[in-house]
C-alpha atoms as a PDB file:
ATOM      1  CA  UNK A   1     139.859 159.814  22.218  1.00  0.00           C
ATOM      2  CA  UNK A   2     141.925 161.395  24.961  1.00  0.00           C
ATOM      3  CA  UNK A   3     145.217 163.189  24.536  1.00  0.00           C
ATOM      4  CA  UNK A   4     147.950 162.118  26.974  1.00  0.00           C
ATOM      5  CA  UNK A   5     151.086 164.171  27.455  1.00  0.00           C
ATOM      6  CA  UNK A   6     154.166 162.313  28.626  1.00  0.00           C
ATOM      7  CA  UNK A   7     157.172 164.130  30.064  1.00  0.00           C
ATOM      8  CA  UNK A   8     160.429 162.222  30.425  1.00  0.00           C
ATOM      9  CA  UNK A   9     163.150 163.727  32.590  1.00  0.00           C
ATOM     10  CA  UNK A  10     166.763 162.843  31.932  1.00  0.00           C
ATOM     11  CA  UNK A  11     169.918 164.319  33.412  1.00  0.00           C
ATOM     12  CA  UNK A  12     173.081 165.066  31.451  1.00  0.00           C
ATOM     13  CA  UNK A  13     176.537 165.178  33.011  1.00  0.00           C
ATOM     14  CA  UNK A  14     179.099 167.815  32.106  1.00  0.00           C
ATOM     15  CA  UNK A  15     180.768 165.413  29.661  1.00  0.00           C
ATOM     16  CA  UNK A  16     177.525 164.482  27.901  1.00  0.00           C
ATOM     17  CA  UNK A  17     176.449 161.171  29.456  1.00  0.00           C
ATOM     18  CA  UNK A  18     172.689 160.812  30.058  1.00  0.00           C
ATOM     19  CA  UNK A  19     171.237 159.429  33.318  1.00  0.00           C
ATOM     20  CA  UNK A  20     167.717 158.564  34.465  1.00  0.00           C
ATOM     21  CA  UNK A  21     168.063 160.120  37.932  1.00  0.00           C
ATOM     22  CA  UNK A  22     169.799 163.167  39.325  1.00  0.00           C
ATOM     23  CA  UNK A  23     171.482 161.000  41.983  1.00  0.00           C
ATOM     24  CA  UNK A  24     173.143 158.809  39.330  1.00  0.00           C
ATOM     25  CA  UNK A  25     174.366 161.884  37.473  1.00  0.00           C
ATOM     26  CA  UNK A  26     175.756 163.507  40.635  1.00  0.00           C
ATOM     27  CA  UNK A  27     177.495 160.264  41.653  1.00  0.00           C
ATOM     28  CA  UNK A  28     179.091 159.938  38.194  1.00  0.00           C
ATOM     29  CA  UNK A  29     180.304 163.551  38.215  1.00  0.00           C
ATOM     30  CA  UNK A  30     181.737 163.237  41.739  1.00  0.00           C
ATOM     31  CA  UNK A  31     183.631 160.093  40.691  1.00  0.00           C
ATOM     32  CA  UNK A  32     185.069 161.957  37.686  1.00  0.00           C
ATOM     33  CA  UNK A  33     185.967 165.043  39.762  1.00  0.00           C
ATOM     34  CA  UNK A  34     187.806 162.984  42.372  1.00  0.00           C
ATOM     35  CA  UNK A  35     185.345 163.873  45.144  1.00  0.00           C
ATOM     36  CA  UNK A  36     184.422 160.186  45.433  1.00  0.00           C
ATOM     37  CA  UNK A  37     186.276 156.963  44.756  1.00  0.00           C
ATOM     38  CA  UNK A  38     185.246 153.317  44.546  1.00  0.00           C
ATOM     39  CA  UNK A  39     185.860 151.454  47.807  1.00  0.00           C
ATOM     40  CA  UNK A  40     188.920 149.241  47.537  1.00  0.00           C
ATOM     41  CA  UNK A  41     187.642 146.774  50.147  1.00  0.00           C
ATOM     42  CA  UNK A  42     184.405 145.790  48.409  1.00  0.00           C
ATOM     43  CA  UNK A  43     185.122 146.915  44.830  1.00  0.00           C
ATOM     44  CA  UNK A  44     182.019 149.111  44.777  1.00  0.00           C
ATOM     45  CA  UNK A  45     179.498 146.416  45.688  1.00  0.00           C
ATOM     46  CA  UNK A  46     179.020 147.561  49.299  1.00  0.00           C
ATOM     47  CA  UNK A  47     179.413 143.988  50.553  1.00  0.00           C
ATOM     48  CA  UNK A  48     182.370 141.905  51.665  1.00  0.00           C
ATOM     49  CA  UNK A  49     182.860 138.167  52.080  1.00  0.00           C
ATOM     50  CA  UNK A  50     184.594 137.841  55.468  1.00  0.00           C
ATOM     51  CA  UNK A  51     185.214 134.087  55.149  1.00  0.00           C
ATOM     52  CA  UNK A  52     186.072 134.033  51.455  1.00  0.00           C
ATOM     53  CA  UNK A  53     183.773 131.125  50.685  1.00  0.00           C
ATOM     54  CA  UNK A  54     181.056 133.053  48.822  1.00  0.00           C
ATOM     55  CA  UNK A  55     178.253 131.976  51.150  1.00  0.00           C
ATOM     56  CA  UNK A  56     178.058 134.824  53.662  1.00  0.00           C
ATOM     57  CA  UNK A  57     178.224 138.498  52.762  1.00  0.00           C
ATOM     58  CA  UNK A  58     178.119 141.449  55.114  1.00  0.00           C
ATOM     59  CA  UNK A  59     177.985 145.191  54.691  1.00  0.00           C
ATOM     60  CA  UNK A  60     181.423 146.673  54.001  1.00  0.00           C
ATOM     61  CA  UNK A  61     182.703 148.427  57.116  1.00  0.00           C
ATOM     62  CA  UNK A  62     185.085 150.718  55.204  1.00  0.00           C
ATOM     63  CA  UNK A  63     182.416 152.402  53.028  1.00  0.00           C
ATOM     64  CA  UNK A  64     179.430 151.538  55.271  1.00  0.00           C
ATOM     65  CA  UNK A  65     177.757 149.608  52.444  1.00  0.00           C
ATOM     66  CA  UNK A  66     177.701 152.483  49.938  1.00  0.00           C
ATOM     67  CA  UNK A  67     180.404 151.126  47.621  1.00  0.00           C
ATOM     68  CA  UNK A  68     182.253 154.454  47.476  1.00  0.00           C
ATOM     69  CA  UNK A  69     184.161 156.840  49.731  1.00  0.00           C
ATOM     70  CA  UNK A  70     183.828 160.638  49.925  1.00  0.00           C
ATOM     71  CA  UNK A  71     186.859 162.902  49.770  1.00  0.00           C
ATOM     72  CA  UNK A  72     187.439 164.463  53.185  1.00  0.00           C
ATOM     73  CA  UNK A  73     189.270 167.762  53.387  1.00  0.00           C
ATOM     74  CA  UNK A  74     190.770 168.670  56.729  1.00  0.00           C
ATOM     75  CA  UNK A  75     191.659 172.267  57.482  1.00  0.00           C
ATOM     76  CA  UNK A  76     194.535 173.017  59.855  1.00  0.00           C
END
């Protein structure tokens, strides 16, 4: 018989939600902090339907296919 040790990594956000990856946790926290917002053009999918018929989808040009937009701070 062989002993096998299994380590499972999970990531917890500041408000207690558990995520499988650090990227998911960071994305969630940035959405909650207002540093990111869901793209209004594609609704977070990253794709748009330019013809409106549901047959052809292309990468959203507003969010560049990510599904979200970063907050940009401009210093004057």
